Amino acid sequence: MRTGLRQGELLGLMWEDLNLNASPAALTLRRSLSERQGGGYYFTPTKRKASRRKLALLSEAADALRAQEALQAEERKRVGERWQENGLVFPSSRGTPQNRHNLYRRFAQDLKRAGLPDISFHDLRHTFATIMLFEWGVDAKTVQEMMGHASIKMTMDLYSHVLPNTQADAIRRLEGLFSPSTAVRLPSEGGFA
């Protein structure tokens, strides 16, 4: 979905959490799907207060969610009375909460079919944050909010390694600002030291 959601957040997402008609489309994270040790699933509020967040969606993601809604309607008809409505965006084939292991198995199969290396589902989250910071140049505070991290420190501890040229870029900018040809000169002092 290109949102950086945690697996539990994705599996706990409900249709009522989406506003696909907004511009841009958006989702609001309120809950996560958790697995009981003895088996079964339950919904919990998101990991922490910062994890409860509203995210704008790429138009491509909104289109994929609309397609998911149509596919789910077909699945509901096919299954008939066996369908258990839970309002989930990504349920099992019967409408119940999806087992995270089944999700990962399908994900691994899709990677193999596409000829891509085997990665964990959580690697998608890290890739999203890395692209936001390194490729798109999104500021760390915005990435923190989008990822639902409790603090900017957490975001920087996890992702500062993808910004190897940050100091070099800062120095180049400062050199441009303070170079003799562009330096701001104070009338009474004749310039900066």
N, C-alpha and C. Protein backbone atom coordinates (compact mmCIF):
# COMPACT_ATOMS: atom_id res chain seq x y z
N MET A 1 0.82 -1.21 0.00
CA MET A 1 0.00 0.00 0.00
C MET A 1 0.86 1.26 0.00
N ARG A 2 2.14 1.10 0.15
CA ARG A 2 3.03 2.26 0.15
C ARG A 2 2.69 3.26 1.24
N THR A 3 2.48 2.71 2.42
CA THR A 3 2.14 3.56 3.56
C THR A 3 3.06 3.34 4.74
N GLY A 4 3.87 2.30 4.73
CA GLY A 4 4.73 2.01 5.86
C GLY A 4 4.00 1.40 7.05
N LEU A 5 2.82 0.84 6.83
CA LEU A 5 2.06 0.26 7.94
C LEU A 5 2.75 -0.98 8.50
N ARG A 6 2.59 -1.17 9.79
CA ARG A 6 3.03 -2.41 10.43
C ARG A 6 2.05 -3.51 10.00
N GLN A 7 2.50 -4.75 10.05
CA GLN A 7 1.66 -5.86 9.63
C GLN A 7 0.35 -5.91 10.41
N GLY A 8 0.40 -5.75 11.72
CA GLY A 8 -0.81 -5.77 12.55
C GLY A 8 -1.75 -4.62 12.23
N GLU A 9 -1.19 -3.45 11.89
CA GLU A 9 -2.01 -2.29 11.51
C GLU A 9 -2.74 -2.57 10.20
N LEU A 10 -2.02 -3.18 9.27
CA LEU A 10 -2.61 -3.52 7.98
C LEU A 10 -3.74 -4.53 8.15
N LEU A 11 -3.49 -5.56 8.95
CA LEU A 11 -4.49 -6.61 9.14
C LEU A 11 -5.66 -6.14 10.01
N GLY A 12 -5.47 -5.09 10.78
CA GLY A 12 -6.55 -4.54 11.61
C GLY A 12 -7.31 -3.41 10.93
N LEU A 13 -6.91 -3.05 9.73
CA LEU A 13 -7.54 -1.94 9.00
C LEU A 13 -8.97 -2.32 8.59
N MET A 14 -9.90 -1.43 8.85
CA MET A 14 -11.31 -1.65 8.49
C MET A 14 -11.76 -0.61 7.47
N TRP A 15 -12.78 -0.97 6.73
CA TRP A 15 -13.29 -0.06 5.70
C TRP A 15 -13.71 1.27 6.30
N GLU A 16 -14.20 1.25 7.52
CA GLU A 16 -14.62 2.50 8.17
C GLU A 16 -13.44 3.43 8.44
N ASP A 17 -12.21 2.91 8.35
CA ASP A 17 -11.01 3.71 8.59
C ASP A 17 -10.54 4.45 7.34
N LEU A 18 -11.18 4.18 6.21
CA LEU A 18 -10.76 4.76 4.94
C LEU A 18 -11.70 5.86 4.48
N ASN A 19 -11.13 6.86 3.85
CA ASN A 19 -11.90 7.88 3.16
C ASN A 19 -11.31 7.97 1.75
N LEU A 20 -11.83 7.14 0.86
CA LEU A 20 -11.30 7.07 -0.50
C LEU A 20 -11.83 8.18 -1.38
N ASN A 21 -12.81 8.94 -0.89
CA ASN A 21 -13.36 10.04 -1.66
C ASN A 21 -12.70 11.38 -1.34
N ALA A 22 -11.86 11.41 -0.30
CA ALA A 22 -11.16 12.65 0.05
C ALA A 22 -10.10 12.94 -1.01
N SER A 23 -9.60 14.14 -1.01
CA SER A 23 -8.53 14.50 -1.93
C SER A 23 -7.38 15.09 -1.13
N PRO A 24 -6.31 14.39 -0.91
CA PRO A 24 -6.10 13.00 -1.32
C PRO A 24 -6.86 12.03 -0.41
N ALA A 25 -7.03 10.81 -0.91
CA ALA A 25 -7.65 9.76 -0.10
C ALA A 25 -6.81 9.57 1.16
N ALA A 26 -7.46 9.09 2.22
CA ALA A 26 -6.75 8.96 3.50
C ALA A 26 -7.24 7.75 4.28
N LEU A 27 -6.40 7.33 5.21
CA LEU A 27 -6.80 6.29 6.15
C LEU A 27 -6.44 6.76 7.54
N THR A 28 -7.22 6.29 8.51
CA THR A 28 -6.96 6.61 9.90
C THR A 28 -6.68 5.31 10.64
N LEU A 29 -5.51 5.24 11.26
CA LEU A 29 -5.13 4.04 12.01
C LEU A 29 -5.63 4.16 13.43
N ARG A 30 -6.41 3.17 13.83
CA ARG A 30 -6.99 3.16 15.17
C ARG A 30 -6.66 1.90 15.95
N ARG A 31 -6.39 0.81 15.22
CA ARG A 31 -6.25 -0.48 15.89
C ARG A 31 -5.22 -1.34 15.16
N SER A 32 -4.89 -2.41 15.83
CA SER A 32 -3.97 -3.39 15.29
C SER A 32 -4.54 -4.77 15.58
N LEU A 33 -4.26 -5.71 14.72
CA LEU A 33 -4.69 -7.09 14.95
C LEU A 33 -3.56 -7.81 15.66
N SER A 34 -3.87 -8.43 16.77
CA SER A 34 -2.88 -9.17 17.55
C SER A 34 -3.30 -10.63 17.64
N GLU A 35 -2.32 -11.49 17.84
CA GLU A 35 -2.57 -12.93 17.91
C GLU A 35 -2.45 -13.40 19.35
N ARG A 36 -3.43 -14.18 19.80
CA ARG A 36 -3.38 -14.77 21.14
C ARG A 36 -2.38 -15.92 21.14
N GLN A 37 -1.72 -16.12 22.27
CA GLN A 37 -0.74 -17.21 22.36
C GLN A 37 -1.37 -18.57 22.13
N GLY A 38 -2.55 -18.78 22.63
CA GLY A 38 -3.22 -20.06 22.47
C GLY A 38 -3.97 -20.20 21.16
N GLY A 39 -3.91 -19.19 20.33
CA GLY A 39 -4.62 -19.19 19.05
C GLY A 39 -5.75 -18.18 19.06
N GLY A 40 -6.11 -17.72 17.94
CA GLY A 40 -7.16 -16.73 17.80
C GLY A 40 -6.59 -15.31 17.74
N TYR A 41 -7.47 -14.38 17.44
CA TYR A 41 -7.05 -13.00 17.22
C TYR A 41 -7.91 -12.04 18.00
N TYR A 42 -7.36 -10.88 18.25
CA TYR A 42 -8.12 -9.82 18.91
C TYR A 42 -7.58 -8.47 18.43
N PHE A 43 -8.42 -7.45 18.54
CA PHE A 43 -8.03 -6.11 18.14
C PHE A 43 -7.58 -5.34 19.37
N THR A 44 -6.51 -4.58 19.20
CA THR A 44 -6.03 -3.72 20.26
C THR A 44 -5.88 -2.31 19.69
N PRO A 45 -5.93 -1.31 20.55
CA PRO A 45 -5.58 0.02 20.04
C PRO A 45 -4.15 -0.04 19.50
N THR A 46 -3.80 0.86 18.62
CA THR A 46 -2.46 0.83 18.04
C THR A 46 -1.39 0.84 19.12
N LYS A 47 -0.19 0.48 18.73
CA LYS A 47 0.93 0.25 19.63
C LYS A 47 1.11 1.37 20.67
N ARG A 48 1.05 2.59 20.26
CA ARG A 48 1.14 3.74 21.17
C ARG A 48 0.33 4.89 20.60
N LYS A 49 0.22 5.95 21.38
CA LYS A 49 -0.58 7.10 20.96
C LYS A 49 -0.10 7.64 19.60
N ALA A 50 1.21 7.71 19.40
CA ALA A 50 1.76 8.21 18.14
C ALA A 50 1.38 7.31 16.96
N SER A 51 1.07 6.04 17.26
CA SER A 51 0.70 5.11 16.19
C SER A 51 -0.70 5.36 15.67
N ARG A 52 -1.53 6.04 16.48
CA ARG A 52 -2.87 6.41 16.01
C ARG A 52 -2.69 7.65 15.15
N ARG A 53 -2.86 7.48 13.85
CA ARG A 53 -2.52 8.56 12.95
C ARG A 53 -3.37 8.52 11.69
N LYS A 54 -3.40 9.65 11.03
CA LYS A 54 -4.10 9.76 9.76
C LYS A 54 -3.05 9.89 8.67
N LEU A 55 -3.19 9.10 7.62
CA LEU A 55 -2.23 9.10 6.53
C LEU A 55 -2.90 9.42 5.21
N ALA A 56 -2.31 10.35 4.47
CA ALA A 56 -2.75 10.61 3.11
C ALA A 56 -2.25 9.44 2.26
N LEU A 57 -3.02 9.09 1.24
CA LEU A 57 -2.67 7.95 0.39
C LEU A 57 -2.30 8.41 -1.01
N LEU A 58 -1.33 7.72 -1.59
CA LEU A 58 -1.04 7.92 -3.00
C LEU A 58 -2.27 7.52 -3.79
N SER A 59 -2.51 8.15 -4.93
CA SER A 59 -3.67 7.79 -5.74
C SER A 59 -3.61 6.32 -6.15
N GLU A 60 -2.41 5.82 -6.38
CA GLU A 60 -2.20 4.41 -6.72
C GLU A 60 -2.69 3.49 -5.59
N ALA A 61 -2.41 3.88 -4.35
CA ALA A 61 -2.86 3.09 -3.19
C ALA A 61 -4.37 3.14 -3.07
N ALA A 62 -4.96 4.32 -3.28
CA ALA A 62 -6.42 4.45 -3.22
C ALA A 62 -7.07 3.59 -4.30
N ASP A 63 -6.49 3.57 -5.49
CA ASP A 63 -7.02 2.73 -6.57
C ASP A 63 -6.93 1.25 -6.21
N ALA A 64 -5.81 0.85 -5.60
CA ALA A 64 -5.64 -0.55 -5.19
C ALA A 64 -6.67 -0.93 -4.12
N LEU A 65 -6.98 0.00 -3.22
CA LEU A 65 -7.99 -0.27 -2.19
C LEU A 65 -9.38 -0.39 -2.79
N ARG A 66 -9.68 0.42 -3.78
CA ARG A 66 -10.97 0.30 -4.48
C ARG A 66 -11.08 -1.06 -5.17
N ALA A 67 -9.98 -1.49 -5.78
CA ALA A 67 -9.95 -2.81 -6.43
C ALA A 67 -10.12 -3.91 -5.38
N GLN A 68 -9.50 -3.74 -4.21
CA GLN A 68 -9.65 -4.71 -3.12
C GLN A 68 -11.10 -4.79 -2.68
N GLU A 69 -11.77 -3.65 -2.61
CA GLU A 69 -13.18 -3.63 -2.21
C GLU A 69 -14.04 -4.41 -3.20
N ALA A 70 -13.76 -4.26 -4.49
CA ALA A 70 -14.51 -5.00 -5.51
C ALA A 70 -14.22 -6.50 -5.43
N LEU A 71 -12.94 -6.85 -5.24
CA LEU A 71 -12.58 -8.27 -5.11
C LEU A 71 -13.24 -8.90 -3.88
N GLN A 72 -13.28 -8.12 -2.80
CA GLN A 72 -13.89 -8.63 -1.57
C GLN A 72 -15.39 -8.84 -1.76
N ALA A 73 -16.04 -7.97 -2.51
CA ALA A 73 -17.48 -8.14 -2.77
C ALA A 73 -17.72 -9.44 -3.56
N GLU A 74 -16.85 -9.73 -4.52
CA GLU A 74 -16.96 -10.98 -5.29
C GLU A 74 -16.74 -12.19 -4.39
N GLU A 75 -15.73 -12.10 -3.52
CA GLU A 75 -15.43 -13.19 -2.59
C GLU A 75 -16.60 -13.43 -1.65
N ARG A 76 -17.21 -12.36 -1.18
CA ARG A 76 -18.36 -12.45 -0.27
C ARG A 76 -19.50 -13.21 -0.96
N LYS A 77 -19.76 -12.90 -2.22
CA LYS A 77 -20.81 -13.59 -2.98
C LYS A 77 -20.46 -15.06 -3.17
N ARG A 78 -19.20 -15.33 -3.51
CA ARG A 78 -18.77 -16.70 -3.77
C ARG A 78 -18.90 -17.57 -2.52
N VAL A 79 -18.52 -17.02 -1.36
CA VAL A 79 -18.55 -17.78 -0.11
C VAL A 79 -19.97 -17.89 0.44
N GLY A 80 -20.79 -16.90 0.17
CA GLY A 80 -22.18 -16.94 0.61
C GLY A 80 -22.33 -16.86 2.13
N GLU A 81 -23.10 -17.77 2.67
CA GLU A 81 -23.41 -17.75 4.11
C GLU A 81 -22.20 -18.03 5.00
N ARG A 82 -21.15 -18.59 4.44
CA ARG A 82 -19.94 -18.86 5.23
C ARG A 82 -19.14 -17.59 5.52
N TRP A 83 -19.46 -16.50 4.79
CA TRP A 83 -18.75 -15.24 5.00
C TRP A 83 -19.10 -14.67 6.37
N GLN A 84 -18.10 -14.27 7.11
CA GLN A 84 -18.29 -13.65 8.43
C GLN A 84 -17.84 -12.20 8.33
N GLU A 85 -18.79 -11.30 8.27
CA GLU A 85 -18.47 -9.88 8.08
C GLU A 85 -17.84 -9.28 9.33
N ASN A 86 -16.64 -8.74 9.14
CA ASN A 86 -15.92 -8.06 10.22
C ASN A 86 -15.50 -6.66 9.82
N GLY A 87 -15.82 -6.27 8.58
CA GLY A 87 -15.46 -4.93 8.12
C GLY A 87 -13.99 -4.76 7.80
N LEU A 88 -13.25 -5.86 7.73
CA LEU A 88 -11.81 -5.80 7.49
C LEU A 88 -11.49 -5.54 6.02
N VAL A 89 -10.46 -4.77 5.79
CA VAL A 89 -10.00 -4.49 4.42
C VAL A 89 -9.26 -5.69 3.87
N PHE A 90 -8.48 -6.38 4.72
CA PHE A 90 -7.69 -7.53 4.28
C PHE A 90 -8.00 -8.75 5.14
N PRO A 91 -9.22 -9.30 5.00
CA PRO A 91 -9.60 -10.47 5.80
C PRO A 91 -9.13 -11.77 5.16
N SER A 92 -9.42 -12.85 5.84
CA SER A 92 -9.20 -14.18 5.26
C SER A 92 -10.23 -14.36 4.14
N SER A 93 -10.19 -15.50 3.49
CA SER A 93 -11.13 -15.77 2.39
C SER A 93 -12.57 -15.95 2.88
N ARG A 94 -12.78 -15.95 4.20
CA ARG A 94 -14.14 -16.06 4.75
C ARG A 94 -14.57 -14.80 5.50
N GLY A 95 -13.72 -13.75 5.48
CA GLY A 95 -14.08 -12.51 6.15
C GLY A 95 -13.57 -12.38 7.56
N THR A 96 -12.95 -13.43 8.07
CA THR A 96 -12.41 -13.40 9.44
C THR A 96 -11.03 -12.74 9.43
N PRO A 97 -10.52 -12.40 10.61
CA PRO A 97 -9.16 -11.84 10.64
C PRO A 97 -8.17 -12.80 9.99
N GLN A 98 -7.27 -12.23 9.22
CA GLN A 98 -6.30 -13.04 8.47
C GLN A 98 -5.11 -13.41 9.35
N ASN A 99 -4.71 -14.64 9.28
CA ASN A 99 -3.54 -15.13 9.99
C ASN A 99 -2.30 -14.47 9.37
N ARG A 100 -1.45 -13.87 10.22
CA ARG A 100 -0.27 -13.16 9.71
C ARG A 100 0.69 -14.10 8.99
N HIS A 101 0.71 -15.38 9.37
CA HIS A 101 1.57 -16.36 8.70
C HIS A 101 1.07 -16.63 7.28
N ASN A 102 -0.26 -16.65 7.11
CA ASN A 102 -0.82 -16.82 5.77
C ASN A 102 -0.49 -15.61 4.90
N LEU A 103 -0.57 -14.43 5.49
CA LEU A 103 -0.22 -13.21 4.74
C LEU A 103 1.23 -13.29 4.29
N TYR A 104 2.13 -13.67 5.20
CA TYR A 104 3.53 -13.75 4.83
C TYR A 104 3.77 -14.82 3.78
N ARG A 105 3.10 -15.96 3.89
CA ARG A 105 3.27 -17.03 2.90
C ARG A 105 2.86 -16.54 1.51
N ARG A 106 1.73 -15.82 1.42
CA ARG A 106 1.30 -15.27 0.13
C ARG A 106 2.29 -14.24 -0.38
N PHE A 107 2.78 -13.41 0.53
CA PHE A 107 3.76 -12.40 0.18
C PHE A 107 5.03 -13.05 -0.38
N ALA A 108 5.52 -14.10 0.28
CA ALA A 108 6.72 -14.81 -0.17
C ALA A 108 6.50 -15.44 -1.54
N GLN A 109 5.30 -15.99 -1.76
CA GLN A 109 4.98 -16.58 -3.07
C GLN A 109 4.99 -15.51 -4.16
N ASP A 110 4.42 -14.34 -3.85
CA ASP A 110 4.40 -13.24 -4.82
C ASP A 110 5.82 -12.78 -5.15
N LEU A 111 6.68 -12.70 -4.14
CA LEU A 111 8.08 -12.31 -4.37
C LEU A 111 8.77 -13.31 -5.29
N LYS A 112 8.55 -14.60 -5.01
CA LYS A 112 9.19 -15.64 -5.82
C LYS A 112 8.70 -15.59 -7.26
N ARG A 113 7.38 -15.43 -7.44
CA ARG A 113 6.83 -15.33 -8.81
C ARG A 113 7.41 -14.14 -9.57
N ALA A 114 7.67 -13.06 -8.85
CA ALA A 114 8.20 -11.85 -9.48
C ALA A 114 9.72 -11.90 -9.64
N GLY A 115 10.35 -12.98 -9.14
CA GLY A 115 11.79 -13.11 -9.25
C GLY A 115 12.54 -12.18 -8.32
N LEU A 116 11.92 -11.80 -7.22
CA LEU A 116 12.53 -10.89 -6.25
C LEU A 116 13.11 -11.68 -5.08
N PRO A 117 14.08 -11.10 -4.37
CA PRO A 117 14.65 -11.81 -3.22
C PRO A 117 13.64 -11.97 -2.09
N ASP A 118 13.86 -12.98 -1.29
CA ASP A 118 13.00 -13.23 -0.13
C ASP A 118 13.32 -12.20 0.94
N ILE A 119 12.32 -11.41 1.32
CA ILE A 119 12.48 -10.41 2.37
C ILE A 119 11.33 -10.58 3.36
N SER A 120 11.48 -10.01 4.53
CA SER A 120 10.39 -10.08 5.50
C SER A 120 9.33 -9.05 5.14
N PHE A 121 8.14 -9.26 5.59
CA PHE A 121 7.06 -8.30 5.35
C PHE A 121 7.43 -6.96 5.97
N HIS A 122 8.09 -6.99 7.12
CA HIS A 122 8.47 -5.76 7.82
C HIS A 122 9.49 -4.95 7.02
N ASP A 123 10.25 -5.62 6.13
CA ASP A 123 11.20 -4.90 5.29
C ASP A 123 10.50 -3.88 4.39
N LEU A 124 9.23 -4.12 4.07
CA LEU A 124 8.47 -3.15 3.27
C LEU A 124 8.35 -1.84 4.04
N ARG A 125 8.14 -1.93 5.33
CA ARG A 125 8.02 -0.74 6.17
C ARG A 125 9.34 0.05 6.17
N HIS A 126 10.44 -0.68 6.35
CA HIS A 126 11.74 -0.02 6.35
C HIS A 126 12.06 0.59 4.99
N THR A 127 11.70 -0.10 3.94
CA THR A 127 11.94 0.42 2.60
C THR A 127 11.15 1.70 2.38
N PHE A 128 9.91 1.72 2.82
CA PHE A 128 9.09 2.93 2.69
C PHE A 128 9.75 4.12 3.38
N ALA A 129 10.18 3.93 4.63
CA ALA A 129 10.81 5.02 5.37
C ALA A 129 12.11 5.46 4.71
N THR A 130 12.89 4.51 4.24
CA THR A 130 14.16 4.82 3.59
C THR A 130 13.94 5.64 2.33
N ILE A 131 12.98 5.24 1.53
CA ILE A 131 12.68 5.99 0.30
C ILE A 131 12.20 7.39 0.63
N MET A 132 11.35 7.49 1.64
CA MET A 132 10.85 8.81 2.04
C MET A 132 12.01 9.73 2.41
N LEU A 133 12.93 9.24 3.20
CA LEU A 133 14.05 10.06 3.67
C LEU A 133 15.11 10.30 2.60
N PHE A 134 15.54 9.23 1.96
CA PHE A 134 16.70 9.32 1.07
C PHE A 134 16.35 9.76 -0.34
N GLU A 135 15.34 9.14 -0.93
CA GLU A 135 15.01 9.44 -2.32
C GLU A 135 14.15 10.69 -2.46
N TRP A 136 13.17 10.83 -1.58
CA TRP A 136 12.24 11.95 -1.71
C TRP A 136 12.64 13.15 -0.87
N GLY A 137 13.56 12.96 0.06
CA GLY A 137 14.01 14.08 0.88
C GLY A 137 12.96 14.60 1.86
N VAL A 138 12.05 13.73 2.27
CA VAL A 138 11.02 14.13 3.24
C VAL A 138 11.70 14.34 4.59
N ASP A 139 11.31 15.40 5.29
CA ASP A 139 11.95 15.68 6.57
C ASP A 139 11.64 14.58 7.59
N ALA A 140 12.57 14.40 8.51
CA ALA A 140 12.49 13.30 9.48
C ALA A 140 11.25 13.40 10.36
N LYS A 141 10.80 14.59 10.70
CA LYS A 141 9.61 14.75 11.55
C LYS A 141 8.37 14.20 10.84
N THR A 142 8.23 14.49 9.56
CA THR A 142 7.09 13.98 8.80
C THR A 142 7.16 12.45 8.71
N VAL A 143 8.36 11.92 8.47
CA VAL A 143 8.53 10.46 8.40
C VAL A 143 8.17 9.84 9.76
N GLN A 144 8.59 10.47 10.85
CA GLN A 144 8.25 9.98 12.19
C GLN A 144 6.73 9.88 12.34
N GLU A 145 6.03 10.93 11.95
CA GLU A 145 4.57 10.94 12.08
C GLU A 145 3.93 9.87 11.20
N MET A 146 4.41 9.74 9.97
CA MET A 146 3.82 8.76 9.06
C MET A 146 4.08 7.32 9.53
N MET A 147 5.25 7.09 10.11
CA MET A 147 5.59 5.75 10.57
C MET A 147 4.96 5.43 11.92
N GLY A 148 4.49 6.45 12.64
CA GLY A 148 3.89 6.22 13.94
C GLY A 148 4.91 5.97 15.03
N HIS A 149 6.14 6.49 14.84
CA HIS A 149 7.17 6.35 15.86
C HIS A 149 6.86 7.28 17.03
N ALA A 150 7.21 6.85 18.22
CA ALA A 150 6.93 7.61 19.43
C ALA A 150 7.76 8.90 19.49
N SER A 151 8.95 8.89 18.88
CA SER A 151 9.81 10.06 18.95
C SER A 151 10.64 10.20 17.68
N ILE A 152 11.11 11.40 17.45
CA ILE A 152 12.01 11.66 16.31
C ILE A 152 13.32 10.91 16.52
N LYS A 153 13.71 10.73 17.78
CA LYS A 153 14.94 9.99 18.08
C LYS A 153 14.85 8.56 17.54
N MET A 154 13.71 7.95 17.72
CA MET A 154 13.53 6.58 17.23
C MET A 154 13.70 6.55 15.70
N THR A 155 13.08 7.49 15.02
CA THR A 155 13.18 7.55 13.56
C THR A 155 14.63 7.73 13.14
N MET A 156 15.32 8.66 13.76
CA MET A 156 16.70 8.93 13.39
C MET A 156 17.63 7.77 13.76
N ASP A 157 17.39 7.12 14.89
CA ASP A 157 18.20 5.97 15.26
C ASP A 157 18.05 4.85 14.24
N LEU A 158 16.84 4.67 13.73
CA LEU A 158 16.59 3.60 12.77
C LEU A 158 17.06 3.93 11.35
N TYR A 159 16.96 5.20 10.95
CA TYR A 159 17.16 5.52 9.54
C TYR A 159 18.25 6.52 9.21
N SER A 160 18.97 7.04 10.19
CA SER A 160 19.99 8.04 9.87
C SER A 160 21.10 7.45 9.00
N HIS A 161 21.31 6.14 9.05
CA HIS A 161 22.34 5.52 8.22
C HIS A 161 22.06 5.68 6.73
N VAL A 162 20.81 5.94 6.35
CA VAL A 162 20.51 6.12 4.92
C VAL A 162 20.76 7.55 4.47
N LEU A 163 21.18 8.38 5.39
CA LEU A 163 21.47 9.78 5.07
C LEU A 163 22.97 10.04 5.25
N PRO A 164 23.82 9.31 4.55
CA PRO A 164 25.25 9.40 4.80
C PRO A 164 25.86 10.75 4.43
N ASN A 165 25.25 11.47 3.54
CA ASN A 165 25.83 12.73 3.09
C ASN A 165 25.20 13.94 3.76
N THR A 166 24.48 13.74 4.83
CA THR A 166 23.78 14.85 5.47
C THR A 166 24.75 15.94 5.90
N GLN A 167 25.84 15.59 6.59
CA GLN A 167 26.80 16.60 7.03
C GLN A 167 27.49 17.25 5.84
N ALA A 168 27.88 16.44 4.85
CA ALA A 168 28.55 17.01 3.68
C ALA A 168 27.63 17.97 2.94
N ASP A 169 26.36 17.61 2.81
CA ASP A 169 25.41 18.51 2.15
C ASP A 169 25.23 19.80 2.93
N ALA A 170 25.17 19.70 4.26
CA ALA A 170 25.02 20.89 5.10
C ALA A 170 26.22 21.82 4.94
N ILE A 171 27.42 21.25 4.92
CA ILE A 171 28.62 22.07 4.77
C ILE A 171 28.64 22.75 3.40
N ARG A 172 28.27 22.03 2.34
CA ARG A 172 28.22 22.64 0.99
C ARG A 172 27.26 23.82 0.97
N ARG A 173 26.11 23.66 1.62
CA ARG A 173 25.15 24.76 1.66
C ARG A 173 25.71 25.95 2.43
N LEU A 174 26.34 25.66 3.57
CA LEU A 174 26.93 26.74 4.36
C LEU A 174 28.05 27.44 3.61
N GLU A 175 28.87 26.66 2.89
CA GLU A 175 29.94 27.28 2.11
C GLU A 175 29.36 28.22 1.06
N GLY A 176 28.26 27.81 0.44
CA GLY A 176 27.61 28.68 -0.53
C GLY A 176 27.09 29.95 0.12
N LEU A 177 26.58 29.82 1.31
CA LEU A 177 26.03 30.97 2.03
C LEU A 177 27.14 31.92 2.47
N PHE A 178 28.27 31.35 2.92
CA PHE A 178 29.34 32.17 3.47
C PHE A 178 30.51 32.40 2.52
N SER A 179 30.40 32.00 1.28
CA SER A 179 31.52 32.23 0.36
C SER A 179 31.67 33.73 0.13
N PRO A 180 32.88 34.19 -0.18
CA PRO A 180 33.12 35.64 -0.35
C PRO A 180 32.20 36.29 -1.38
N SER A 181 31.79 35.56 -2.39
CA SER A 181 30.95 36.18 -3.42
C SER A 181 29.49 36.30 -3.01
N THR A 182 29.04 35.49 -2.03
CA THR A 182 27.63 35.53 -1.65
C THR A 182 27.41 35.93 -0.20
N ALA A 183 28.46 36.11 0.56
CA ALA A 183 28.31 36.43 1.98
C ALA A 183 27.61 37.78 2.15
N VAL A 184 26.76 37.84 3.13
CA VAL A 184 26.07 39.07 3.46
C VAL A 184 27.04 39.94 4.25
N ARG A 185 27.22 41.16 3.86
CA ARG A 185 28.14 42.06 4.55
C ARG A 185 27.34 43.06 5.38
N LEU A 186 27.80 43.22 6.61
CA LEU A 186 27.19 44.23 7.47
C LEU A 186 27.85 45.56 7.18
N PRO A 187 27.07 46.62 6.98
CA PRO A 187 27.64 47.92 6.61
C PRO A 187 28.69 48.42 7.56
N SER A 188 28.53 48.24 8.86
CA SER A 188 29.46 48.79 9.81
C SER A 188 30.70 47.92 10.03
N GLU A 189 30.64 46.66 9.61
CA GLU A 189 31.75 45.75 9.89
C GLU A 189 32.52 45.36 8.66
N GLY A 190 31.99 45.60 7.49
CA GLY A 190 32.69 45.23 6.27
C GLY A 190 32.58 43.76 5.93
N GLY A 191 31.81 42.99 6.64
CA GLY A 191 31.61 41.59 6.29
C GLY A 191 31.74 40.68 7.49
N PHE A 192 31.60 39.39 7.24
CA PHE A 192 31.70 38.39 8.30
C PHE A 192 33.13 37.96 8.47
N ALA A 193 33.48 37.54 9.64
CA ALA A 193 34.81 37.00 9.91
C ALA A 193 34.85 35.55 9.52
